[in-house]
């Protein structure tokens, strides 16, 4: 198992050294904010574990990409909901959650977008719903997305900045920590989803 951990650590280092790695992170964050539940966490964590001192740079890339994608998601909801937006909502099977989400936006727009990063509902659904009949104005969307995404990614950045070297050594010794962390994050997302919507 330790050999597998060392190989994974070597792969992370090679990935982080690639000239396209940060560009890929930006693209994945953009897609997550606009059309697909493609979480940037995987390349973000891979880059940050390999290079913990750059974790805040990688967090900033995620915030920028996700917020830019959120603007596209907003316009999909605002201008193209009947064609593109509704198809995405149906594809992700969240039709029942849209009404609750729209009600939450009307009551607590900032809180809704800040907590969006911690639920199991794809972030792009939040951004598309924000644009639906212009439930939120674009300025509120941009500011709240920046705040919510910054909380999420800078919190992870701080953890990876502090413990990145330890996480890398732990990966080299044992892969048991990865499934545990993923399970905790998944459980937190489901808990917030059930509590919030």
N, C-alpha and C. Protein backbone atom coordinates (compact mmCIF):
# COMPACT_ATOMS: atom_id res chain seq x y z
N UNK A 1 0.81 -1.19 0.00
CA UNK A 1 0.00 0.00 0.00
C UNK A 1 0.86 1.26 0.00
N UNK A 2 2.01 1.21 0.70
CA UNK A 2 2.90 2.37 0.76
C UNK A 2 3.46 2.68 -0.63
N UNK A 3 3.74 1.64 -1.43
CA UNK A 3 4.23 1.86 -2.79
C UNK A 3 3.21 2.58 -3.65
N UNK A 4 1.94 2.22 -3.48
CA UNK A 4 0.86 2.90 -4.20
C UNK A 4 0.79 4.36 -3.78
N UNK A 5 0.94 4.63 -2.51
CA UNK A 5 0.94 6.00 -2.00
C UNK A 5 2.08 6.83 -2.59
N UNK A 6 3.26 6.22 -2.68
CA UNK A 6 4.40 6.94 -3.27
C UNK A 6 4.17 7.21 -4.75
N UNK A 7 3.58 6.24 -5.45
CA UNK A 7 3.28 6.45 -6.88
C UNK A 7 2.24 7.55 -7.05
N UNK A 8 1.22 7.58 -6.18
CA UNK A 8 0.21 8.64 -6.25
C UNK A 8 0.85 9.99 -5.97
N UNK A 9 1.71 10.06 -4.99
CA UNK A 9 2.40 11.30 -4.66
C UNK A 9 3.26 11.76 -5.84
N UNK A 10 3.95 10.85 -6.50
CA UNK A 10 4.77 11.19 -7.67
C UNK A 10 3.88 11.69 -8.81
N UNK A 11 2.71 11.05 -8.99
CA UNK A 11 1.79 11.50 -10.03
C UNK A 11 1.29 12.91 -9.74
N UNK A 12 0.96 13.19 -8.46
CA UNK A 12 0.51 14.53 -8.09
C UNK A 12 1.56 15.57 -8.41
N UNK A 13 2.80 15.26 -8.12
CA UNK A 13 3.89 16.18 -8.40
C UNK A 13 4.05 16.40 -9.91
N UNK A 14 3.97 15.33 -10.69
CA UNK A 14 4.07 15.48 -12.16
C UNK A 14 2.90 16.30 -12.69
N UNK A 15 1.68 16.03 -12.18
CA UNK A 15 0.51 16.79 -12.63
C UNK A 15 0.68 18.27 -12.30
N UNK A 16 1.12 18.58 -11.08
CA UNK A 16 1.28 19.98 -10.67
C UNK A 16 2.34 20.70 -11.50
N UNK A 17 3.31 19.96 -12.02
CA UNK A 17 4.38 20.57 -12.80
C UNK A 17 3.98 20.83 -14.25
N UNK A 18 2.87 20.27 -14.68
CA UNK A 18 2.44 20.45 -16.07
C UNK A 18 2.02 21.90 -16.33
N UNK A 19 2.38 22.45 -17.48
CA UNK A 19 2.01 23.84 -17.76
C UNK A 19 0.49 24.04 -17.89
N UNK A 20 -0.26 22.99 -18.17
CA UNK A 20 -1.70 23.11 -18.34
C UNK A 20 -2.48 22.92 -17.04
N UNK A 21 -1.82 22.57 -15.95
CA UNK A 21 -2.52 22.20 -14.72
C UNK A 21 -3.39 23.33 -14.17
N UNK A 22 -2.86 24.54 -14.07
CA UNK A 22 -3.67 25.64 -13.53
C UNK A 22 -4.75 26.05 -14.52
N UNK A 23 -4.48 25.96 -15.81
CA UNK A 23 -5.50 26.25 -16.82
C UNK A 23 -6.64 25.24 -16.74
N UNK A 24 -6.30 23.98 -16.52
CA UNK A 24 -7.32 22.95 -16.36
C UNK A 24 -8.17 23.23 -15.13
N UNK A 25 -7.54 23.66 -14.05
CA UNK A 25 -8.27 24.01 -12.83
C UNK A 25 -9.26 25.14 -13.11
N UNK A 26 -8.84 26.16 -13.83
CA UNK A 26 -9.73 27.28 -14.17
C UNK A 26 -10.91 26.81 -15.02
N UNK A 27 -10.65 25.98 -16.01
CA UNK A 27 -11.71 25.48 -16.90
C UNK A 27 -12.71 24.63 -16.13
N UNK A 28 -12.21 23.76 -15.27
CA UNK A 28 -13.11 22.89 -14.48
C UNK A 28 -13.97 23.74 -13.55
N UNK A 29 -13.39 24.75 -12.91
CA UNK A 29 -14.15 25.64 -12.03
C UNK A 29 -15.21 26.40 -12.82
N UNK A 30 -14.86 26.84 -14.03
CA UNK A 30 -15.81 27.55 -14.88
C UNK A 30 -16.98 26.65 -15.26
N UNK A 31 -16.69 25.43 -15.65
CA UNK A 31 -17.74 24.48 -16.05
C UNK A 31 -18.64 24.18 -14.87
N UNK A 32 -18.07 24.02 -13.67
CA UNK A 32 -18.86 23.73 -12.48
C UNK A 32 -19.85 24.85 -12.18
N UNK A 33 -19.47 26.08 -12.43
CA UNK A 33 -20.35 27.22 -12.16
C UNK A 33 -21.41 27.43 -13.21
N UNK A 34 -21.24 26.85 -14.39
CA UNK A 34 -22.15 27.16 -15.49
C UNK A 34 -23.03 26.01 -15.94
N UNK A 35 -22.46 24.84 -16.26
CA UNK A 35 -23.29 23.82 -16.92
C UNK A 35 -23.19 22.40 -16.38
N UNK A 36 -22.16 22.08 -15.59
CA UNK A 36 -21.98 20.67 -15.21
C UNK A 36 -21.44 20.55 -13.79
N UNK A 37 -21.85 19.52 -13.08
CA UNK A 37 -21.32 19.30 -11.72
C UNK A 37 -19.95 18.63 -11.77
N UNK A 38 -19.01 19.35 -12.29
CA UNK A 38 -17.64 18.87 -12.42
C UNK A 38 -16.81 19.59 -11.36
N UNK A 39 -16.72 19.04 -10.15
CA UNK A 39 -16.10 19.79 -9.06
C UNK A 39 -14.62 20.04 -9.28
N UNK A 40 -14.20 21.28 -9.09
CA UNK A 40 -12.78 21.59 -9.23
C UNK A 40 -11.95 21.09 -8.06
N UNK A 41 -12.59 20.50 -7.08
CA UNK A 41 -11.89 20.03 -5.89
C UNK A 41 -10.78 19.04 -6.20
N UNK A 42 -11.01 18.16 -7.17
CA UNK A 42 -10.01 17.12 -7.45
C UNK A 42 -8.72 17.73 -7.97
N UNK A 43 -8.74 18.54 -9.06
CA UNK A 43 -7.46 19.14 -9.46
C UNK A 43 -6.94 20.15 -8.43
N UNK A 44 -7.85 20.85 -7.74
CA UNK A 44 -7.44 21.81 -6.71
C UNK A 44 -6.67 21.11 -5.59
N UNK A 45 -7.21 20.02 -5.08
CA UNK A 45 -6.55 19.29 -4.00
C UNK A 45 -5.25 18.65 -4.51
N UNK A 46 -5.29 18.11 -5.73
CA UNK A 46 -4.07 17.51 -6.28
C UNK A 46 -2.95 18.54 -6.39
N UNK A 47 -3.27 19.71 -6.90
CA UNK A 47 -2.25 20.76 -7.03
C UNK A 47 -1.79 21.24 -5.65
N UNK A 48 -2.73 21.42 -4.72
CA UNK A 48 -2.39 21.96 -3.40
C UNK A 48 -1.62 20.97 -2.54
N UNK A 49 -1.89 19.69 -2.70
CA UNK A 49 -1.11 18.69 -1.95
C UNK A 49 0.31 18.64 -2.51
N UNK A 50 0.43 18.74 -3.83
CA UNK A 50 1.76 18.70 -4.44
C UNK A 50 2.55 19.97 -4.13
N UNK A 51 1.85 21.11 -4.05
CA UNK A 51 2.51 22.40 -3.82
C UNK A 51 1.70 23.21 -2.82
N UNK A 52 1.78 22.87 -1.54
CA UNK A 52 0.95 23.52 -0.51
C UNK A 52 1.13 25.03 -0.43
N UNK A 53 2.31 25.54 -0.73
CA UNK A 53 2.55 26.98 -0.63
C UNK A 53 1.76 27.77 -1.69
N UNK A 54 1.28 27.09 -2.71
CA UNK A 54 0.48 27.74 -3.75
C UNK A 54 -1.02 27.51 -3.58
N UNK A 55 -1.43 26.93 -2.47
CA UNK A 55 -2.84 26.56 -2.30
C UNK A 55 -3.77 27.77 -2.40
N UNK A 56 -3.35 28.95 -1.91
CA UNK A 56 -4.22 30.12 -2.00
C UNK A 56 -4.32 30.63 -3.44
N UNK A 57 -3.25 30.48 -4.22
CA UNK A 57 -3.32 30.81 -5.64
C UNK A 57 -4.33 29.90 -6.33
N UNK A 58 -4.26 28.60 -6.03
CA UNK A 58 -5.20 27.65 -6.63
C UNK A 58 -6.63 27.92 -6.16
N UNK A 59 -6.78 28.32 -4.91
CA UNK A 59 -8.10 28.69 -4.40
C UNK A 59 -8.64 29.91 -5.13
N UNK A 60 -7.78 30.88 -5.39
CA UNK A 60 -8.20 32.09 -6.13
C UNK A 60 -8.62 31.74 -7.56
N UNK A 61 -7.91 30.82 -8.17
CA UNK A 61 -8.28 30.38 -9.52
C UNK A 61 -9.66 29.74 -9.50
N UNK A 62 -9.94 28.93 -8.48
CA UNK A 62 -11.27 28.30 -8.36
C UNK A 62 -12.36 29.34 -8.15
N UNK A 63 -12.11 30.33 -7.30
CA UNK A 63 -13.10 31.38 -7.06
C UNK A 63 -13.37 32.15 -8.35
N UNK A 64 -12.32 32.54 -9.06
CA UNK A 64 -12.50 33.30 -10.30
C UNK A 64 -13.22 32.48 -11.37
N UNK A 65 -12.79 31.25 -11.57
CA UNK A 65 -13.41 30.41 -12.59
C UNK A 65 -14.86 30.09 -12.28
N UNK A 66 -15.13 29.76 -11.04
CA UNK A 66 -16.49 29.41 -10.63
C UNK A 66 -17.42 30.61 -10.72
N UNK A 67 -16.94 31.79 -10.33
CA UNK A 67 -17.76 33.00 -10.41
C UNK A 67 -18.01 33.38 -11.87
N UNK A 68 -17.01 33.28 -12.72
CA UNK A 68 -17.22 33.56 -14.15
C UNK A 68 -18.21 32.56 -14.74
N UNK A 69 -18.09 31.29 -14.36
CA UNK A 69 -19.06 30.29 -14.82
C UNK A 69 -20.45 30.57 -14.30
N UNK A 70 -20.54 31.11 -13.07
CA UNK A 70 -21.85 31.44 -12.49
C UNK A 70 -22.56 32.51 -13.32
N UNK A 71 -21.80 33.44 -13.88
CA UNK A 71 -22.41 34.47 -14.73
C UNK A 71 -23.02 33.82 -15.97
N UNK A 72 -22.32 32.86 -16.57
CA UNK A 72 -22.87 32.14 -17.72
C UNK A 72 -24.09 31.34 -17.31
N UNK A 73 -24.02 30.67 -16.16
CA UNK A 73 -25.17 29.93 -15.65
C UNK A 73 -26.36 30.85 -15.44
N UNK A 74 -26.10 32.03 -14.92
CA UNK A 74 -27.16 33.02 -14.71
C UNK A 74 -27.85 33.36 -16.03
N UNK A 75 -27.04 33.61 -17.07
CA UNK A 75 -27.62 33.96 -18.37
C UNK A 75 -28.33 32.77 -19.02
N UNK A 76 -27.87 31.56 -18.75
CA UNK A 76 -28.61 30.39 -19.22
C UNK A 76 -29.99 30.38 -18.57
N UNK A 77 -30.05 30.65 -17.27
CA UNK A 77 -31.32 30.70 -16.56
C UNK A 77 -32.18 31.87 -16.99
N UNK A 78 -31.56 32.99 -17.27
CA UNK A 78 -32.29 34.21 -17.62
C UNK A 78 -32.78 34.20 -19.06
N UNK A 79 -31.91 33.84 -19.98
CA UNK A 79 -32.23 33.95 -21.40
C UNK A 79 -32.61 32.63 -22.07
N UNK A 80 -32.09 31.53 -21.55
CA UNK A 80 -32.26 30.25 -22.24
C UNK A 80 -32.88 29.18 -21.35
N UNK A 81 -33.65 29.57 -20.33
CA UNK A 81 -34.16 28.57 -19.40
C UNK A 81 -35.04 27.54 -20.10
N UNK A 82 -35.93 27.99 -20.98
CA UNK A 82 -36.86 27.07 -21.62
C UNK A 82 -36.16 26.04 -22.50
N UNK A 83 -35.03 26.40 -23.08
CA UNK A 83 -34.34 25.43 -23.95
C UNK A 83 -33.20 24.73 -23.22
N UNK A 84 -32.20 25.47 -22.77
CA UNK A 84 -31.01 24.87 -22.17
C UNK A 84 -31.18 24.62 -20.67
N UNK A 85 -31.67 25.62 -19.94
CA UNK A 85 -31.78 25.51 -18.48
C UNK A 85 -32.67 24.37 -18.04
N UNK A 86 -33.84 24.26 -18.64
CA UNK A 86 -34.76 23.20 -18.25
C UNK A 86 -34.18 21.82 -18.58
N UNK A 87 -33.47 21.72 -19.68
CA UNK A 87 -32.83 20.45 -20.04
C UNK A 87 -31.78 20.05 -19.00
N UNK A 88 -30.99 21.02 -18.53
CA UNK A 88 -29.99 20.73 -17.50
C UNK A 88 -30.65 20.34 -16.18
N UNK A 89 -31.71 21.05 -15.81
CA UNK A 89 -32.43 20.74 -14.56
C UNK A 89 -33.00 19.33 -14.64
N UNK A 90 -33.57 18.96 -15.78
CA UNK A 90 -34.11 17.61 -15.96
C UNK A 90 -32.99 16.57 -15.96
N UNK A 91 -31.89 16.88 -16.61
CA UNK A 91 -30.77 15.96 -16.68
C UNK A 91 -30.24 15.63 -15.29
N UNK A 92 -30.15 16.64 -14.42
CA UNK A 92 -29.64 16.43 -13.06
C UNK A 92 -30.74 16.01 -12.09
N UNK A 93 -31.98 15.91 -12.60
CA UNK A 93 -33.12 15.41 -11.82
C UNK A 93 -33.34 16.22 -10.54
N UNK A 94 -33.35 17.54 -10.67
CA UNK A 94 -33.55 18.41 -9.51
C UNK A 94 -34.78 19.31 -9.69
N UNK A 95 -35.74 18.88 -10.50
CA UNK A 95 -36.93 19.67 -10.74
C UNK A 95 -37.65 20.02 -9.43
N UNK A 96 -37.77 19.05 -8.54
CA UNK A 96 -38.47 19.27 -7.28
C UNK A 96 -37.76 20.26 -6.37
N UNK A 97 -36.46 20.38 -6.50
CA UNK A 97 -35.71 21.27 -5.64
C UNK A 97 -35.67 22.71 -6.17
N UNK A 98 -36.02 22.91 -7.42
CA UNK A 98 -35.98 24.26 -8.01
C UNK A 98 -36.95 25.20 -7.31
N UNK A 99 -38.20 24.75 -7.07
CA UNK A 99 -39.18 25.62 -6.41
C UNK A 99 -38.70 26.04 -5.03
N UNK A 100 -38.14 25.08 -4.28
CA UNK A 100 -37.62 25.40 -2.95
C UNK A 100 -36.43 26.35 -3.06
N UNK A 101 -35.61 26.13 -4.04
CA UNK A 101 -34.44 26.98 -4.25
C UNK A 101 -34.86 28.41 -4.60
N UNK A 102 -35.86 28.55 -5.47
CA UNK A 102 -36.34 29.89 -5.83
C UNK A 102 -36.91 30.60 -4.60
N UNK A 103 -37.63 29.88 -3.76
CA UNK A 103 -38.17 30.47 -2.52
C UNK A 103 -37.04 30.91 -1.60
N UNK A 104 -35.99 30.09 -1.50
CA UNK A 104 -34.84 30.46 -0.67
C UNK A 104 -34.15 31.72 -1.22
N UNK A 105 -34.05 31.82 -2.53
CA UNK A 105 -33.45 33.01 -3.14
C UNK A 105 -34.23 34.26 -2.78
N UNK A 106 -35.54 34.16 -2.81
CA UNK A 106 -36.38 35.34 -2.51
C UNK A 106 -36.21 35.78 -1.06
N UNK A 107 -36.01 34.82 -0.15
CA UNK A 107 -35.89 35.14 1.27
C UNK A 107 -34.46 35.45 1.70
N UNK A 108 -33.51 34.66 1.23
CA UNK A 108 -32.12 34.77 1.69
C UNK A 108 -31.15 34.58 0.52
N UNK A 109 -31.08 35.53 -0.40
CA UNK A 109 -30.23 35.32 -1.58
C UNK A 109 -28.75 35.11 -1.25
N UNK A 110 -28.21 35.89 -0.35
CA UNK A 110 -26.79 35.77 -0.01
C UNK A 110 -26.50 34.43 0.66
N UNK A 111 -27.30 34.10 1.65
CA UNK A 111 -27.09 32.85 2.38
C UNK A 111 -27.22 31.64 1.46
N UNK A 112 -28.18 31.71 0.55
CA UNK A 112 -28.39 30.60 -0.39
C UNK A 112 -27.14 30.36 -1.23
N UNK A 113 -26.58 31.41 -1.78
CA UNK A 113 -25.39 31.24 -2.62
C UNK A 113 -24.14 30.90 -1.82
N UNK A 114 -24.05 31.40 -0.61
CA UNK A 114 -22.89 31.06 0.21
C UNK A 114 -22.93 29.58 0.59
N UNK A 115 -24.12 29.09 0.96
CA UNK A 115 -24.24 27.68 1.34
C UNK A 115 -24.23 26.74 0.13
N UNK A 116 -24.43 27.29 -1.07
CA UNK A 116 -24.46 26.45 -2.27
C UNK A 116 -23.21 25.62 -2.45
N UNK A 117 -22.10 26.14 -2.02
CA UNK A 117 -20.84 25.41 -2.16
C UNK A 117 -20.69 24.25 -1.20
N UNK A 118 -21.61 24.13 -0.27
CA UNK A 118 -21.50 23.08 0.73
C UNK A 118 -22.64 22.08 0.66
N UNK A 119 -23.40 22.08 -0.44
CA UNK A 119 -24.51 21.13 -0.59
C UNK A 119 -24.18 20.12 -1.68
N UNK A 120 -25.01 19.09 -1.79
CA UNK A 120 -24.79 18.08 -2.83
C UNK A 120 -25.49 18.45 -4.14
N UNK A 121 -26.23 19.56 -4.16
CA UNK A 121 -26.87 20.03 -5.40
C UNK A 121 -25.79 20.69 -6.26
N UNK A 122 -25.71 20.35 -7.55
CA UNK A 122 -24.69 20.97 -8.40
C UNK A 122 -24.77 22.49 -8.37
N UNK A 123 -23.61 23.14 -8.24
CA UNK A 123 -23.56 24.60 -8.15
C UNK A 123 -24.19 25.26 -9.37
N UNK A 124 -24.04 24.64 -10.55
CA UNK A 124 -24.62 25.24 -11.76
C UNK A 124 -26.14 25.35 -11.65
N UNK A 125 -26.79 24.47 -10.91
CA UNK A 125 -28.25 24.57 -10.73
C UNK A 125 -28.59 25.82 -9.94
N UNK A 126 -27.76 26.17 -8.96
CA UNK A 126 -27.97 27.40 -8.19
C UNK A 126 -27.85 28.62 -9.10
N UNK A 127 -26.86 28.61 -9.99
CA UNK A 127 -26.65 29.78 -10.84
C UNK A 127 -27.72 29.90 -11.91
N UNK A 128 -28.16 28.77 -12.45
CA UNK A 128 -29.24 28.79 -13.45
C UNK A 128 -30.53 29.27 -12.80
N UNK A 129 -30.82 28.77 -11.60
CA UNK A 129 -32.03 29.20 -10.88
C UNK A 129 -31.99 30.68 -10.54
N UNK A 130 -30.81 31.20 -10.26
CA UNK A 130 -30.69 32.63 -9.96
C UNK A 130 -31.09 33.48 -11.15
N UNK A 131 -30.80 33.00 -12.34
CA UNK A 131 -31.15 33.74 -13.55
C UNK A 131 -32.59 33.55 -13.99
N UNK A 132 -33.21 32.46 -13.55
CA UNK A 132 -34.59 32.16 -13.94
C UNK A 132 -35.50 33.32 -13.56
N UNK A 133 -36.13 33.93 -14.55
CA UNK A 133 -36.98 35.12 -14.37
C UNK A 133 -36.25 36.18 -13.54
N UNK A 134 -34.93 36.20 -13.66
CA UNK A 134 -34.08 37.14 -12.95
C UNK A 134 -34.41 37.18 -11.46
N UNK A 135 -34.45 35.97 -10.87
CA UNK A 135 -34.73 35.82 -9.45
C UNK A 135 -33.80 36.70 -8.62
N UNK A 136 -32.55 36.76 -9.02
CA UNK A 136 -31.57 37.66 -8.40
C UNK A 136 -31.06 38.62 -9.45
N UNK A 137 -30.57 39.76 -9.01
CA UNK A 137 -29.92 40.63 -9.99
C UNK A 137 -28.47 40.15 -10.13
N UNK A 138 -27.88 40.46 -11.25
CA UNK A 138 -26.56 39.95 -11.60
C UNK A 138 -25.48 40.41 -10.60
N UNK A 139 -25.61 41.63 -10.09
CA UNK A 139 -24.63 42.13 -9.12
C UNK A 139 -24.64 41.32 -7.83
N UNK A 140 -25.83 41.00 -7.34
CA UNK A 140 -25.94 40.17 -6.13
C UNK A 140 -25.35 38.81 -6.39
N UNK A 141 -25.64 38.24 -7.56
CA UNK A 141 -25.09 36.93 -7.91
C UNK A 141 -23.57 36.95 -7.87
N UNK A 142 -22.96 37.93 -8.51
CA UNK A 142 -21.50 37.98 -8.59
C UNK A 142 -20.88 38.14 -7.20
N UNK A 143 -21.40 39.09 -6.42
CA UNK A 143 -20.84 39.32 -5.09
C UNK A 143 -21.05 38.13 -4.16
N UNK A 144 -22.25 37.54 -4.18
CA UNK A 144 -22.53 36.40 -3.30
C UNK A 144 -21.74 35.17 -3.74
N UNK A 145 -21.59 34.98 -5.05
CA UNK A 145 -20.77 33.85 -5.53
C UNK A 145 -19.33 34.03 -5.10
N UNK A 146 -18.80 35.23 -5.27
CA UNK A 146 -17.42 35.48 -4.84
C UNK A 146 -17.28 35.19 -3.35
N UNK A 147 -18.22 35.65 -2.55
CA UNK A 147 -18.15 35.42 -1.09
C UNK A 147 -18.25 33.92 -0.77
N UNK A 148 -19.25 33.26 -1.33
CA UNK A 148 -19.46 31.85 -1.04
C UNK A 148 -18.33 30.97 -1.53
N UNK A 149 -17.88 31.22 -2.74
CA UNK A 149 -16.79 30.42 -3.28
C UNK A 149 -15.48 30.71 -2.53
N UNK A 150 -15.28 31.97 -2.14
CA UNK A 150 -14.07 32.31 -1.38
C UNK A 150 -14.07 31.58 -0.03
N UNK A 151 -15.20 31.55 0.65
CA UNK A 151 -15.27 30.84 1.93
C UNK A 151 -14.89 29.38 1.71
N UNK A 152 -15.50 28.77 0.71
CA UNK A 152 -15.24 27.34 0.48
C UNK A 152 -13.79 27.08 0.10
N UNK A 153 -13.31 27.78 -0.92
CA UNK A 153 -11.98 27.45 -1.44
C UNK A 153 -10.85 27.99 -0.58
N UNK A 154 -11.05 29.13 0.09
CA UNK A 154 -9.98 29.62 0.96
C UNK A 154 -9.90 28.83 2.26
N UNK A 155 -11.02 28.28 2.70
CA UNK A 155 -10.99 27.38 3.85
C UNK A 155 -10.18 26.13 3.50
N UNK A 156 -10.47 25.56 2.32
CA UNK A 156 -9.67 24.41 1.87
C UNK A 156 -8.21 24.80 1.64
N UNK A 157 -8.00 26.00 1.10
CA UNK A 157 -6.63 26.47 0.87
C UNK A 157 -5.85 26.54 2.18
N UNK A 158 -6.49 27.08 3.22
CA UNK A 158 -5.82 27.19 4.52
C UNK A 158 -5.47 25.82 5.07
N UNK A 159 -6.42 24.90 4.97
CA UNK A 159 -6.17 23.54 5.46
C UNK A 159 -5.02 22.90 4.68
N UNK A 160 -5.05 23.04 3.37
CA UNK A 160 -4.00 22.43 2.55
C UNK A 160 -2.66 23.16 2.69
N UNK A 161 -2.69 24.46 2.92
CA UNK A 161 -1.46 25.21 3.15
C UNK A 161 -0.78 24.72 4.42
N UNK A 162 -1.59 24.52 5.47
CA UNK A 162 -1.06 24.09 6.76
C UNK A 162 -0.68 22.62 6.76
N UNK A 163 -1.59 21.79 6.22
CA UNK A 163 -1.40 20.34 6.33
C UNK A 163 -1.01 19.67 5.02
N UNK A 164 -0.76 20.45 3.97
CA UNK A 164 -0.46 19.86 2.66
C UNK A 164 0.73 18.93 2.68
N UNK A 165 1.81 19.35 3.34
CA UNK A 165 2.98 18.49 3.43
C UNK A 165 2.68 17.21 4.20
N UNK A 166 1.92 17.37 5.28
CA UNK A 166 1.53 16.19 6.07
C UNK A 166 0.62 15.28 5.26
N UNK A 167 -0.30 15.90 4.50
CA UNK A 167 -1.21 15.10 3.67
C UNK A 167 -0.43 14.31 2.63
N UNK A 168 0.57 14.94 2.09
CA UNK A 168 1.38 14.24 1.08
C UNK A 168 2.12 13.06 1.71
N UNK A 169 2.70 13.29 2.87
CA UNK A 169 3.39 12.19 3.56
C UNK A 169 2.41 11.08 3.95
N UNK A 170 1.20 11.49 4.36
CA UNK A 170 0.18 10.49 4.72
C UNK A 170 -0.22 9.68 3.49
N UNK A 171 -0.32 10.33 2.34
CA UNK A 171 -0.63 9.61 1.10
C UNK A 171 0.46 8.60 0.78
N UNK A 172 1.69 9.00 1.01
CA UNK A 172 2.79 8.10 0.73
C UNK A 172 2.77 6.88 1.66
N UNK A 173 2.31 7.08 2.90
CA UNK A 173 2.27 5.98 3.88
C UNK A 173 1.01 5.15 3.76
N UNK A 174 -0.12 5.82 3.56
CA UNK A 174 -1.39 5.10 3.60
C UNK A 174 -2.46 5.89 2.85
N UNK A 175 -3.26 5.20 2.09
CA UNK A 175 -4.34 5.84 1.35
C UNK A 175 -5.65 5.86 2.13
N UNK A 176 -5.66 5.46 3.37
CA UNK A 176 -6.90 5.38 4.14
C UNK A 176 -7.49 6.77 4.42
N UNK A 177 -6.67 7.80 4.52
CA UNK A 177 -7.17 9.13 4.86
C UNK A 177 -8.05 9.71 3.74
N UNK A 178 -7.73 9.40 2.48
CA UNK A 178 -8.48 9.96 1.36
C UNK A 178 -9.95 9.54 1.41
N UNK A 179 -10.28 8.25 1.52
CA UNK A 179 -11.70 7.89 1.59
C UNK A 179 -12.40 8.47 2.82
N UNK A 180 -11.70 8.58 3.94
CA UNK A 180 -12.32 9.14 5.14
C UNK A 180 -12.68 10.60 4.93
N UNK A 181 -11.75 11.38 4.40
CA UNK A 181 -12.02 12.80 4.14
C UNK A 181 -13.15 12.95 3.13
N UNK A 182 -13.15 12.15 2.08
CA UNK A 182 -14.21 12.23 1.08
C UNK A 182 -15.57 11.89 1.69
N UNK A 183 -15.63 10.90 2.56
CA UNK A 183 -16.89 10.52 3.20
C UNK A 183 -17.39 11.64 4.12
N UNK A 184 -16.48 12.27 4.85
CA UNK A 184 -16.88 13.38 5.73
C UNK A 184 -17.43 14.53 4.91
N UNK A 185 -16.75 14.89 3.82
CA UNK A 185 -17.23 15.97 2.96
C UNK A 185 -18.57 15.62 2.32
N UNK A 186 -18.74 14.40 1.88
CA UNK A 186 -20.00 13.96 1.29
C UNK A 186 -21.12 14.02 2.32
N UNK A 187 -20.86 13.54 3.53
CA UNK A 187 -21.88 13.57 4.59
C UNK A 187 -22.25 15.01 4.94
N UNK A 188 -21.27 15.90 4.99
CA UNK A 188 -21.54 17.31 5.26
C UNK A 188 -22.41 17.91 4.17
N UNK A 189 -22.12 17.60 2.92
CA UNK A 189 -22.92 18.10 1.80
C UNK A 189 -24.36 17.62 1.88
N UNK A 190 -24.57 16.34 2.17
CA UNK A 190 -25.93 15.82 2.29
C UNK A 190 -26.66 16.44 3.48
N UNK A 191 -25.96 16.61 4.60
CA UNK A 191 -26.56 17.22 5.77
C UNK A 191 -27.02 18.65 5.46
N UNK A 192 -26.16 19.43 4.83
CA UNK A 192 -26.52 20.81 4.50
C UNK A 192 -27.67 20.86 3.50
N UNK A 193 -27.66 19.93 2.54
CA UNK A 193 -28.75 19.88 1.57
C UNK A 193 -30.08 19.60 2.26
N UNK A 194 -30.10 18.61 3.13
CA UNK A 194 -31.34 18.25 3.84
C UNK A 194 -31.78 19.36 4.78
N UNK A 195 -30.84 20.02 5.42
CA UNK A 195 -31.17 21.10 6.37
C UNK A 195 -31.62 22.36 5.65
N UNK A 196 -31.03 22.60 4.50
CA UNK A 196 -31.24 23.87 3.82
C UNK A 196 -32.43 23.85 2.88
N UNK A 197 -32.63 22.75 2.16
CA UNK A 197 -33.72 22.71 1.18
C UNK A 197 -34.80 21.75 1.59
